[in-house]
Amino acid sequence: LDKAGWAPLGVEETHPILIGVIGLIMVVLVP
């Protein structure tokens, strides 16, 4: 969604840090 420029994430740049944070949060939250 980020790579495709989905509006809530913005179209000017990608957000690898945001995606990494989402991954870390899920690693903690899923269990």
PDB file of all heavy atoms in Angstrom:
ATOM      1  N   LEU A   1       0.843  -1.200   0.000  1.00  0.00           N
ATOM      2  CA  LEU A   1       0.000   0.000   0.000  1.00  0.00           C
ATOM      3  C   LEU A   1       0.878   1.251   0.000  1.00  0.00           C
ATOM      4  O   LEU A   1       0.588   2.231  -0.690  1.00  0.00           O
ATOM      5  CB  LEU A   1      -0.922  -0.001   1.218  1.00  0.00           C
ATOM      6  CG  LEU A   1      -2.010  -1.079   1.246  1.00  0.00           C
ATOM      7  CD1 LEU A   1      -2.772  -1.035   2.563  1.00  0.00           C
ATOM      8  CD2 LEU A   1      -2.978  -0.918   0.077  1.00  0.00           C
ATOM      9  N   ASP A   2       1.952   1.198   0.771  1.00  0.00           N
ATOM     10  CA  ASP A   2       2.896   2.318   0.817  1.00  0.00           C
ATOM     11  C   ASP A   2       3.563   2.510  -0.540  1.00  0.00           C
ATOM     12  O   ASP A   2       3.682   3.634  -1.051  1.00  0.00           O
ATOM     13  CB  ASP A   2       3.937   2.029   1.894  1.00  0.00           C
ATOM     14  CG  ASP A   2       4.882   3.196   2.123  1.00  0.00           C
ATOM     15  OD1 ASP A   2       4.439   4.350   1.954  1.00  0.00           O
ATOM     16  OD2 ASP A   2       6.044   2.951   2.474  1.00  0.00           O
ATOM     17  N   LYS A   3       3.997   1.398  -1.138  1.00  0.00           N
ATOM     18  CA  LYS A   3       4.679   1.444  -2.438  1.00  0.00           C
ATOM     19  C   LYS A   3       3.755   1.986  -3.531  1.00  0.00           C
ATOM     20  O   LYS A   3       4.203   2.639  -4.481  1.00  0.00           O
ATOM     21  CB  LYS A   3       5.144   0.033  -2.791  1.00  0.00           C
ATOM     22  CG  LYS A   3       6.204  -0.057  -3.882  1.00  0.00           C
ATOM     23  CD  LYS A   3       6.639  -1.496  -4.052  1.00  0.00           C
ATOM     24  CE  LYS A   3       7.710  -1.662  -5.114  1.00  0.00           C
ATOM     25  NZ  LYS A   3       8.992  -1.068  -4.717  1.00  0.00           N
ATOM     26  N   ALA A   4       2.440   1.704  -3.391  1.00  0.00           N
ATOM     27  CA  ALA A   4       1.468   2.159  -4.402  1.00  0.00           C
ATOM     28  C   ALA A   4       1.021   3.596  -4.166  1.00  0.00           C
ATOM     29  O   ALA A   4       0.251   4.139  -4.954  1.00  0.00           O
ATOM     30  CB  ALA A   4       0.251   1.231  -4.398  1.00  0.00           C
ATOM     31  N   GLY A   5       1.488   4.223  -3.070  1.00  0.00           N
ATOM     32  CA  GLY A   5       1.108   5.603  -2.792  1.00  0.00           C
ATOM     33  C   GLY A   5      -0.287   5.745  -2.237  1.00  0.00           C
ATOM     34  O   GLY A   5      -0.981   6.717  -2.520  1.00  0.00           O
ATOM     35  N   TRP A   6      -0.709   4.753  -1.406  1.00  0.00           N
ATOM     36  CA  TRP A   6      -2.034   4.827  -0.786  1.00  0.00           C
ATOM     37  C   TRP A   6      -2.131   6.117   0.022  1.00  0.00           C
ATOM     38  O   TRP A   6      -1.249   6.440   0.829  1.00  0.00           O
ATOM     39  CB  TRP A   6      -2.238   3.600   0.104  1.00  0.00           C
ATOM     40  CG  TRP A   6      -3.601   3.484   0.702  1.00  0.00           C
ATOM     41  CD1 TRP A   6      -4.787   3.655   0.076  1.00  0.00           C
ATOM     42  CD2 TRP A   6      -3.909   3.136   2.061  1.00  0.00           C
ATOM     43  NE1 TRP A   6      -5.835   3.438   0.939  1.00  0.00           N
ATOM     44  CE2 TRP A   6      -5.311   3.127   2.170  1.00  0.00           C
ATOM     45  CE3 TRP A   6      -3.127   2.847   3.183  1.00  0.00           C
ATOM     46  CZ2 TRP A   6      -5.961   2.828   3.370  1.00  0.00           C
ATOM     47  CZ3 TRP A   6      -3.769   2.543   4.367  1.00  0.00           C
ATOM     48  CH2 TRP A   6      -5.168   2.531   4.455  1.00  0.00           C
ATOM     49  N   ALA A   7      -3.214   6.863  -0.174  1.00  0.00           N
ATOM     50  CA  ALA A   7      -3.325   8.234   0.341  1.00  0.00           C
ATOM     51  C   ALA A   7      -3.009   8.388   1.829  1.00  0.00           C
ATOM     52  O   ALA A   7      -2.263   9.304   2.200  1.00  0.00           O
ATOM     53  CB  ALA A   7      -4.714   8.777   0.025  1.00  0.00           C
ATOM     54  N   PRO A   8      -3.549   7.559   2.730  1.00  0.00           N
ATOM     55  CA  PRO A   8      -3.244   7.760   4.160  1.00  0.00           C
ATOM     56  C   PRO A   8      -1.755   7.684   4.483  1.00  0.00           C
ATOM     57  O   PRO A   8      -1.301   8.251   5.479  1.00  0.00           O
ATOM     58  CB  PRO A   8      -4.009   6.622   4.853  1.00  0.00           C
ATOM     59  CG  PRO A   8      -5.150   6.337   3.933  1.00  0.00           C
ATOM     60  CD  PRO A   8      -4.573   6.511   2.551  1.00  0.00           C
ATOM     61  N   LEU A   9      -0.978   6.973   3.662  1.00  0.00           N
ATOM     62  CA  LEU A   9       0.461   6.876   3.895  1.00  0.00           C
ATOM     63  C   LEU A   9       1.248   7.938   3.128  1.00  0.00           C
ATOM     64  O   LEU A   9       2.454   8.088   3.338  1.00  0.00           O
ATOM     65  CB  LEU A   9       0.966   5.481   3.498  1.00  0.00           C
ATOM     66  CG  LEU A   9       0.413   4.319   4.332  1.00  0.00           C
ATOM     67  CD1 LEU A   9       0.915   2.994   3.785  1.00  0.00           C
ATOM     68  CD2 LEU A   9       0.810   4.462   5.795  1.00  0.00           C
ATOM     69  N   GLY A  10       0.573   8.650   2.221  1.00  0.00           N
ATOM     70  CA  GLY A  10       1.258   9.676   1.444  1.00  0.00           C
ATOM     71  C   GLY A  10       1.850   9.114   0.168  1.00  0.00           C
ATOM     72  O   GLY A  10       2.126   7.927   0.073  1.00  0.00           O
ATOM     73  N   VAL A  11       2.052   9.980  -0.816  1.00  0.00           N
ATOM     74  CA  VAL A  11       2.533   9.532  -2.118  1.00  0.00           C
ATOM     75  C   VAL A  11       3.938  10.037  -2.429  1.00  0.00           C
ATOM     76  O   VAL A  11       4.519   9.675  -3.448  1.00  0.00           O
ATOM     77  CB  VAL A  11       1.571   9.991  -3.248  1.00  0.00           C
ATOM     78  CG1 VAL A  11       0.214   9.362  -3.076  1.00  0.00           C
ATOM     79  CG2 VAL A  11       1.452  11.522  -3.260  1.00  0.00           C
ATOM     80  N   GLU A  12       4.505  10.869  -1.564  1.00  0.00           N
ATOM     81  CA  GLU A  12       5.797  11.486  -1.872  1.00  0.00           C
ATOM     82  C   GLU A  12       6.975  10.576  -1.548  1.00  0.00           C
ATOM     83  O   GLU A  12       8.014  10.635  -2.184  1.00  0.00           O
ATOM     84  CB  GLU A  12       5.943  12.811  -1.108  1.00  0.00           C
ATOM     85  CG  GLU A  12       4.892  13.848  -1.473  1.00  0.00           C
ATOM     86  CD  GLU A  12       4.968  14.246  -2.928  1.00  0.00           C
ATOM     87  OE1 GLU A  12       6.087  14.256  -3.484  1.00  0.00           O
ATOM     88  OE2 GLU A  12       3.911  14.548  -3.518  1.00  0.00           O
ATOM     89  N   GLU A  13       6.837   9.745  -0.523  1.00  0.00           N
ATOM     90  CA  GLU A  13       7.955   8.910  -0.092  1.00  0.00           C
ATOM     91  C   GLU A  13       7.432   7.632   0.544  1.00  0.00           C
ATOM     92  O   GLU A  13       6.276   7.542   0.941  1.00  0.00           O
ATOM     93  CB  GLU A  13       8.821   9.661   0.923  1.00  0.00           C
ATOM     94  CG  GLU A  13       8.053  10.106   2.165  1.00  0.00           C
ATOM     95  CD  GLU A  13       8.944  10.827   3.161  1.00  0.00           C
ATOM     96  OE1 GLU A  13      10.171  10.727   3.022  1.00  0.00           O
ATOM     97  OE2 GLU A  13       8.389  11.469   4.068  1.00  0.00           O
ATOM     98  N   THR A  14       8.309   6.632   0.625  1.00  0.00           N
ATOM     99  CA  THR A  14       7.950   5.390   1.309  1.00  0.00           C
ATOM    100  C   THR A  14       8.309   5.511   2.788  1.00  0.00           C
ATOM    101  O   THR A  14       9.044   6.408   3.198  1.00  0.00           O
ATOM    102  CB  THR A  14       8.693   4.196   0.690  1.00  0.00           C
ATOM    103  OG1 THR A  14      10.091   4.459   0.723  1.00  0.00           O
ATOM    104  CG2 THR A  14       8.250   3.980  -0.748  1.00  0.00           C
ATOM    105  N   HIS A  15       7.801   4.602   3.583  1.00  0.00           N
ATOM    106  CA  HIS A  15       7.929   4.703   5.032  1.00  0.00           C
ATOM    107  C   HIS A  15       8.426   3.378   5.621  1.00  0.00           C
ATOM    108  O   HIS A  15       7.692   2.682   6.320  1.00  0.00           O
ATOM    109  CB  HIS A  15       6.582   5.068   5.660  1.00  0.00           C
ATOM    110  CG  HIS A  15       5.973   6.328   5.112  1.00  0.00           C
ATOM    111  ND1 HIS A  15       5.323   6.354   3.893  1.00  0.00           N
ATOM    112  CD2 HIS A  15       5.942   7.591   5.595  1.00  0.00           C
ATOM    113  CE1 HIS A  15       4.891   7.585   3.662  1.00  0.00           C
ATOM    114  NE2 HIS A  15       5.266   8.357   4.677  1.00  0.00           N
ATOM    115  N   PRO A  16       9.683   3.005   5.346  1.00  0.00           N
ATOM    116  CA  PRO A  16      10.193   1.728   5.857  1.00  0.00           C
ATOM    117  C   PRO A  16      10.218   1.657   7.375  1.00  0.00           C
ATOM    118  O   PRO A  16      10.018   0.586   7.957  1.00  0.00           O
ATOM    119  CB  PRO A  16      11.611   1.645   5.268  1.00  0.00           C
ATOM    120  CG  PRO A  16      11.967   3.044   4.907  1.00  0.00           C
ATOM    121  CD  PRO A  16      10.697   3.714   4.550  1.00  0.00           C
ATOM    122  N   ILE A  17      10.470   2.791   8.044  1.00  0.00           N
ATOM    123  CA  ILE A  17      10.498   2.780   9.515  1.00  0.00           C
ATOM    124  C   ILE A  17       9.108   2.467  10.065  1.00  0.00           C
ATOM    125  O   ILE A  17       8.962   1.679  11.012  1.00  0.00           O
ATOM    126  CB  ILE A  17      11.008   4.136  10.053  1.00  0.00           C
ATOM    127  CG1 ILE A  17      12.463   4.346   9.641  1.00  0.00           C
ATOM    128  CG2 ILE A  17      10.865   4.192  11.572  1.00  0.00           C
ATOM    129  CD1 ILE A  17      13.033   5.684  10.059  1.00  0.00           C
ATOM    130  N   LEU A  18       8.080   3.069   9.464  1.00  0.00           N
ATOM    131  CA  LEU A  18       6.708   2.799   9.900  1.00  0.00           C
ATOM    132  C   LEU A  18       6.371   1.321   9.744  1.00  0.00           C
ATOM    133  O   LEU A  18       5.781   0.707  10.636  1.00  0.00           O
ATOM    134  CB  LEU A  18       5.730   3.649   9.075  1.00  0.00           C
ATOM    135  CG  LEU A  18       4.237   3.338   9.277  1.00  0.00           C
ATOM    136  CD1 LEU A  18       3.814   3.638  10.708  1.00  0.00           C
ATOM    137  CD2 LEU A  18       3.384   4.134   8.285  1.00  0.00           C
ATOM    138  N   ILE A  19       6.757   0.731   8.614  1.00  0.00           N
ATOM    139  CA  ILE A  19       6.470  -0.686   8.365  1.00  0.00           C
ATOM    140  C   ILE A  19       7.213  -1.564   9.364  1.00  0.00           C
ATOM    141  O   ILE A  19       6.671  -2.538   9.893  1.00  0.00           O
ATOM    142  CB  ILE A  19       6.845  -1.042   6.913  1.00  0.00           C
ATOM    143  CG1 ILE A  19       5.939  -0.272   5.941  1.00  0.00           C
ATOM    144  CG2 ILE A  19       6.703  -2.548   6.676  1.00  0.00           C
ATOM    145  CD1 ILE A  19       6.455  -0.230   4.537  1.00  0.00           C
ATOM    146  N   GLY A  20       8.464  -1.201   9.665  1.00  0.00           N
ATOM    147  CA  GLY A  20       9.217  -1.946  10.663  1.00  0.00           C
ATOM    148  C   GLY A  20       8.587  -1.857  12.036  1.00  0.00           C
ATOM    149  O   GLY A  20       8.520  -2.859  12.773  1.00  0.00           O
ATOM    150  N   VAL A  21       8.107  -0.661  12.406  1.00  0.00           N
ATOM    151  CA  VAL A  21       7.446  -0.490  13.704  1.00  0.00           C
ATOM    152  C   VAL A  21       6.182  -1.328  13.776  1.00  0.00           C
ATOM    153  O   VAL A  21       5.888  -1.957  14.802  1.00  0.00           O
ATOM    154  CB  VAL A  21       7.131   1.003  13.944  1.00  0.00           C
ATOM    155  CG1 VAL A  21       6.208   1.167  15.155  1.00  0.00           C
ATOM    156  CG2 VAL A  21       8.414   1.786  14.152  1.00  0.00           C
ATOM    157  N   ILE A  22       5.406  -1.360  12.677  1.00  0.00           N
ATOM    158  CA  ILE A  22       4.200  -2.185  12.637  1.00  0.00           C
ATOM    159  C   ILE A  22       4.562  -3.646  12.868  1.00  0.00           C
ATOM    160  O   ILE A  22       3.892  -4.364  13.619  1.00  0.00           O
ATOM    161  CB  ILE A  22       3.467  -2.006  11.288  1.00  0.00           C
ATOM    162  CG1 ILE A  22       2.835  -0.621  11.208  1.00  0.00           C
ATOM    163  CG2 ILE A  22       2.391  -3.091  11.099  1.00  0.00           C
ATOM    164  CD1 ILE A  22       2.250  -0.289   9.858  1.00  0.00           C
ATOM    165  N   GLY A  23       5.653  -4.103  12.238  1.00  0.00           N
ATOM    166  CA  GLY A  23       6.099  -5.481  12.427  1.00  0.00           C
ATOM    167  C   GLY A  23       6.468  -5.762  13.870  1.00  0.00           C
ATOM    168  O   GLY A  23       6.071  -6.790  14.436  1.00  0.00           O
ATOM    169  N   LEU A  24       7.224  -4.846  14.494  1.00  0.00           N
ATOM    170  CA  LEU A  24       7.625  -5.039  15.890  1.00  0.00           C
ATOM    171  C   LEU A  24       6.414  -5.049  16.823  1.00  0.00           C
ATOM    172  O   LEU A  24       6.338  -5.862  17.756  1.00  0.00           O
ATOM    173  CB  LEU A  24       8.591  -3.933  16.305  1.00  0.00           C
ATOM    174  CG  LEU A  24       9.999  -3.997  15.700  1.00  0.00           C
ATOM    175  CD1 LEU A  24      10.801  -2.766  16.091  1.00  0.00           C
ATOM    176  CD2 LEU A  24      10.710  -5.266  16.165  1.00  0.00           C
ATOM    177  N   ILE A  25       5.467  -4.150  16.575  1.00  0.00           N
ATOM    178  CA  ILE A  25       4.257  -4.116  17.402  1.00  0.00           C
ATOM    179  C   ILE A  25       3.496  -5.430  17.284  1.00  0.00           C
ATOM    180  O   ILE A  25       3.016  -5.984  18.283  1.00  0.00           O
ATOM    181  CB  ILE A  25       3.362  -2.926  16.999  1.00  0.00           C
ATOM    182  CG1 ILE A  25       4.031  -1.605  17.380  1.00  0.00           C
ATOM    183  CG2 ILE A  25       1.982  -3.034  17.648  1.00  0.00           C
ATOM    184  CD1 ILE A  25       3.312  -0.379  16.873  1.00  0.00           C
ATOM    185  N   MET A  26       3.404  -5.954  16.059  1.00  0.00           N
ATOM    186  CA  MET A  26       2.678  -7.206  15.868  1.00  0.00           C
ATOM    187  C   MET A  26       3.393  -8.381  16.526  1.00  0.00           C
ATOM    188  O   MET A  26       2.746  -9.282  17.060  1.00  0.00           O
ATOM    189  CB  MET A  26       2.470  -7.473  14.379  1.00  0.00           C
ATOM    190  CG  MET A  26       1.456  -6.572  13.737  1.00  0.00           C
ATOM    191  SD  MET A  26       0.857  -7.260  12.193  1.00  0.00           S
ATOM    192  CE  MET A  26      -0.001  -8.725  12.748  1.00  0.00           C
ATOM    193  N   VAL A  27       4.742  -8.367  16.489  1.00  0.00           N
ATOM    194  CA  VAL A  27       5.491  -9.444  17.140  1.00  0.00           C
ATOM    195  C   VAL A  27       5.143  -9.507  18.619  1.00  0.00           C
ATOM    196  O   VAL A  27       5.038 -10.583  19.213  1.00  0.00           O
ATOM    197  CB  VAL A  27       7.008  -9.240  16.943  1.00  0.00           C
ATOM    198  CG1 VAL A  27       7.805 -10.158  17.856  1.00  0.00           C
ATOM    199  CG2 VAL A  27       7.386  -9.509  15.484  1.00  0.00           C
ATOM    200  N   VAL A  28       4.929  -8.336  19.233  1.00  0.00           N
ATOM    201  CA  VAL A  28       4.577  -8.285  20.654  1.00  0.00           C
ATOM    202  C   VAL A  28       3.093  -8.545  20.861  1.00  0.00           C
ATOM    203  O   VAL A  28       2.694  -9.311  21.753  1.00  0.00           O
ATOM    204  CB  VAL A  28       4.954  -6.907  21.246  1.00  0.00           C
ATOM    205  CG1 VAL A  28       4.472  -6.802  22.701  1.00  0.00           C
ATOM    206  CG2 VAL A  28       6.452  -6.697  21.170  1.00  0.00           C
ATOM    207  N   LEU A  29       2.246  -7.919  20.024  1.00  0.00           N
ATOM    208  CA  LEU A  29       0.807  -7.958  20.261  1.00  0.00           C
ATOM    209  C   LEU A  29       0.157  -9.280  19.869  1.00  0.00           C
ATOM    210  O   LEU A  29      -0.795  -9.718  20.532  1.00  0.00           O
ATOM    211  CB  LEU A  29       0.115  -6.819  19.509  1.00  0.00           C
ATOM    212  CG  LEU A  29       0.257  -5.427  20.099  1.00  0.00           C
ATOM    213  CD1 LEU A  29      -0.573  -4.426  19.309  1.00  0.00           C
ATOM    214  CD2 LEU A  29      -0.178  -5.409  21.567  1.00  0.00           C
ATOM    215  N   VAL A  30       0.621  -9.913  18.779  1.00  0.00           N
ATOM    216  CA  VAL A  30      -0.045 -11.140  18.314  1.00  0.00           C
ATOM    217  C   VAL A  30      -0.076 -12.218  19.396  1.00  0.00           C
ATOM    218  O   VAL A  30      -1.147 -12.759  19.708  1.00  0.00           O
ATOM    219  CB  VAL A  30       0.606 -11.655  17.008  1.00  0.00           C
ATOM    220  CG1 VAL A  30       0.173 -13.085  16.711  1.00  0.00           C
ATOM    221  CG2 VAL A  30       0.220 -10.754  15.841  1.00  0.00           C
ATOM    222  N   PRO A  31       1.066 -12.567  20.046  1.00  0.00           N
ATOM    223  CA  PRO A  31       0.995 -13.575  21.108  1.00  0.00           C
ATOM    224  C   PRO A  31       0.143 -13.120  22.293  1.00  0.00           C
ATOM    225  O   PRO A  31      -0.567 -13.930  22.905  1.00  0.00           O
ATOM    226  CB  PRO A  31       2.465 -13.769  21.528  1.00  0.00           C
ATOM    227  CG  PRO A  31       3.264 -13.249  20.396  1.00  0.00           C
ATOM    228  CD  PRO A  31       2.463 -12.147  19.802  1.00  0.00           C
TER     229      PRO A  31
END
